[in-house]
Amino acid sequence: MDKIIIKDLLVRGIIGINDWERRRAQNILINIVISTDTRRAAETDHINDCVDYSKMSKKVMAHAESAQRLTVEALANDLAKLCLEDENAQKVVVRVEKPGAVRFAESVGVEIERSRDE
């Protein structure tokens, strides 16, 4: 299976369970790998046969900036569902991280994998 990669998409949104986390936006780092078959897109060279990573990135950003989820798990699941709305996406791996959330760690987060046939 071929892969479309969106790497280190940095957005700002409300995420977290603590009162101070709910008061102001913080950095959220998102990585997405979408499994798809790119053969048709390669043959036709047409964007309609591709997973449009530009549109996908914009949808992911808009959701992450507005969702105000309590947990990275919930946000990651939202984003996986959003990615699988694309008819060309068969499987997706989503990683959501909160940079600097834990002292002495560069970031903390979660990585999930979802497929169309689940």
Protein backbone atom coordinates (compact mmCIF):
# COMPACT_ATOMS: atom_id res chain seq x y z
CA MET A 1 0.00 0.00 0.00
CA ASP A 2 1.24 3.48 -0.86
CA LYS A 3 1.37 6.28 1.69
CA ILE A 4 0.60 9.99 1.82
CA ILE A 5 2.52 11.69 4.62
CA ILE A 6 1.67 14.91 6.44
CA LYS A 7 4.59 15.55 8.77
CA ASP A 8 4.87 17.88 11.75
CA LEU A 9 1.72 19.93 11.15
CA LEU A 10 1.80 22.49 13.96
CA VAL A 11 -1.53 23.98 15.04
CA ARG A 12 -2.74 25.91 18.08
CA GLY A 13 -5.82 24.80 19.93
CA ILE A 14 -7.42 24.17 23.28
CA ILE A 15 -6.58 20.70 24.54
CA GLY A 16 -6.16 19.31 28.04
CA ILE A 17 -8.00 18.55 31.25
CA ASN A 18 -6.52 21.24 33.51
CA ASP A 19 -8.19 24.62 33.95
CA TRP A 20 -5.09 26.46 32.75
CA GLU A 21 -5.05 24.34 29.56
CA ARG A 22 -8.65 25.31 28.82
CA ARG A 23 -7.95 29.06 29.00
CA ARG A 24 -5.56 29.50 26.08
CA ALA A 25 -4.50 27.74 22.93
CA GLN A 26 -1.35 25.68 23.00
CA ASN A 27 0.78 23.99 20.37
CA ILE A 28 -0.43 20.67 19.01
CA LEU A 29 1.84 18.68 16.70
CA ILE A 30 0.11 16.36 14.23
CA ASN A 31 1.56 13.65 12.00
CA ILE A 32 -0.57 11.66 9.60
CA VAL A 33 0.18 8.73 7.30
CA ILE A 34 -2.65 7.80 4.94
CA SER A 35 -2.48 4.45 3.17
CA THR A 36 -3.87 4.56 -0.34
CA ASP A 37 -3.35 3.13 -3.78
CA THR A 38 -1.67 5.79 -5.92
CA ARG A 39 -1.55 3.82 -9.18
CA ARG A 40 -4.64 5.44 -10.71
CA ALA A 41 -3.42 8.89 -9.68
CA ALA A 42 -0.06 8.13 -11.26
CA GLU A 43 -1.73 7.05 -14.50
CA THR A 44 -4.18 9.95 -14.78
CA ASP A 45 -2.03 12.61 -13.14
CA HIS A 46 -5.28 14.13 -11.88
CA ILE A 47 -5.89 15.50 -8.39
CA ASN A 48 -9.33 13.86 -8.19
CA ASP A 49 -7.60 10.48 -8.13
CA CYS A 50 -5.32 11.50 -5.25
CA VAL A 51 -5.63 12.09 -1.57
CA ASP A 52 -5.33 15.88 -1.73
CA TYR A 53 -2.87 16.51 1.10
CA SER A 54 -3.38 20.28 0.92
CA LYS A 55 -7.14 20.03 1.47
CA MET A 56 -6.62 17.31 4.07
CA SER A 57 -4.14 19.46 5.99
CA LYS A 58 -6.58 22.38 6.02
CA LYS A 59 -9.42 20.17 7.30
CA VAL A 60 -7.19 18.71 10.00
CA MET A 61 -5.98 22.14 11.08
CA ALA A 62 -9.47 23.62 11.21
CA HIS A 63 -10.73 20.75 13.35
CA ALA A 64 -7.75 20.70 15.71
CA GLU A 65 -7.96 24.46 16.22
CA SER A 66 -11.69 24.41 17.01
CA ALA A 67 -12.49 21.05 18.64
CA GLN A 68 -11.37 21.93 22.19
CA ARG A 69 -10.99 18.26 23.15
CA LEU A 70 -9.93 17.20 26.63
CA THR A 71 -7.58 14.41 25.52
CA VAL A 72 -5.14 13.81 22.70
CA GLU A 73 -6.80 10.39 22.29
CA ALA A 74 -10.13 12.01 21.43
CA LEU A 75 -8.54 14.48 19.03
CA ALA A 76 -6.53 11.75 17.29
CA ASN A 77 -9.70 9.69 16.82
CA ASP A 78 -11.53 12.72 15.37
CA LEU A 79 -8.71 13.31 12.90
CA ALA A 80 -8.57 9.64 11.86
CA LYS A 81 -12.30 9.71 11.08
CA LEU A 82 -11.86 12.92 9.13
CA CYS A 83 -9.05 11.40 7.03
CA LEU A 84 -11.06 8.27 6.29
CA GLU A 85 -13.86 10.41 4.83
CA ASP A 86 -11.67 10.66 1.73
CA GLU A 87 -12.73 7.78 -0.54
CA ASN A 88 -9.11 7.15 -1.55
CA ALA A 89 -7.93 6.65 2.04
CA GLN A 90 -7.87 3.01 3.14
CA LYS A 91 -6.01 3.27 6.44
CA VAL A 92 -4.61 6.08 8.55
CA VAL A 93 -2.07 6.46 11.31
CA VAL A 94 -2.51 9.66 13.32
CA ARG A 95 -0.07 10.94 15.94
CA VAL A 96 -1.10 13.88 18.13
CA GLU A 97 1.48 15.38 20.46
CA LYS A 98 1.58 18.19 22.99
CA PRO A 99 5.09 19.68 22.87
CA GLY A 100 6.43 20.66 26.27
CA ALA A 101 3.46 19.22 28.18
CA VAL A 102 5.66 17.20 30.53
CA ARG A 103 8.79 18.54 32.14
CA PHE A 104 11.98 17.05 30.69
CA ALA A 105 10.12 15.58 27.69
CA GLU A 106 10.13 17.16 24.25
CA SER A 107 6.50 16.14 23.84
CA VAL A 108 3.87 13.62 24.87
CA GLY A 109 1.09 12.19 22.80
CA VAL A 110 -0.69 9.27 21.27
CA GLU A 111 -0.55 7.41 17.96
CA ILE A 112 -3.56 5.52 16.65
CA GLU A 113 -4.26 3.44 13.57
CA ARG A 114 -7.68 3.15 11.96
CA SER A 115 -8.88 1.57 8.72
CA ARG A 116 -11.88 1.94 6.49
CA ASP A 117 -13.04 -1.62 7.18
CA GLU A 118 -13.26 -1.24 10.98
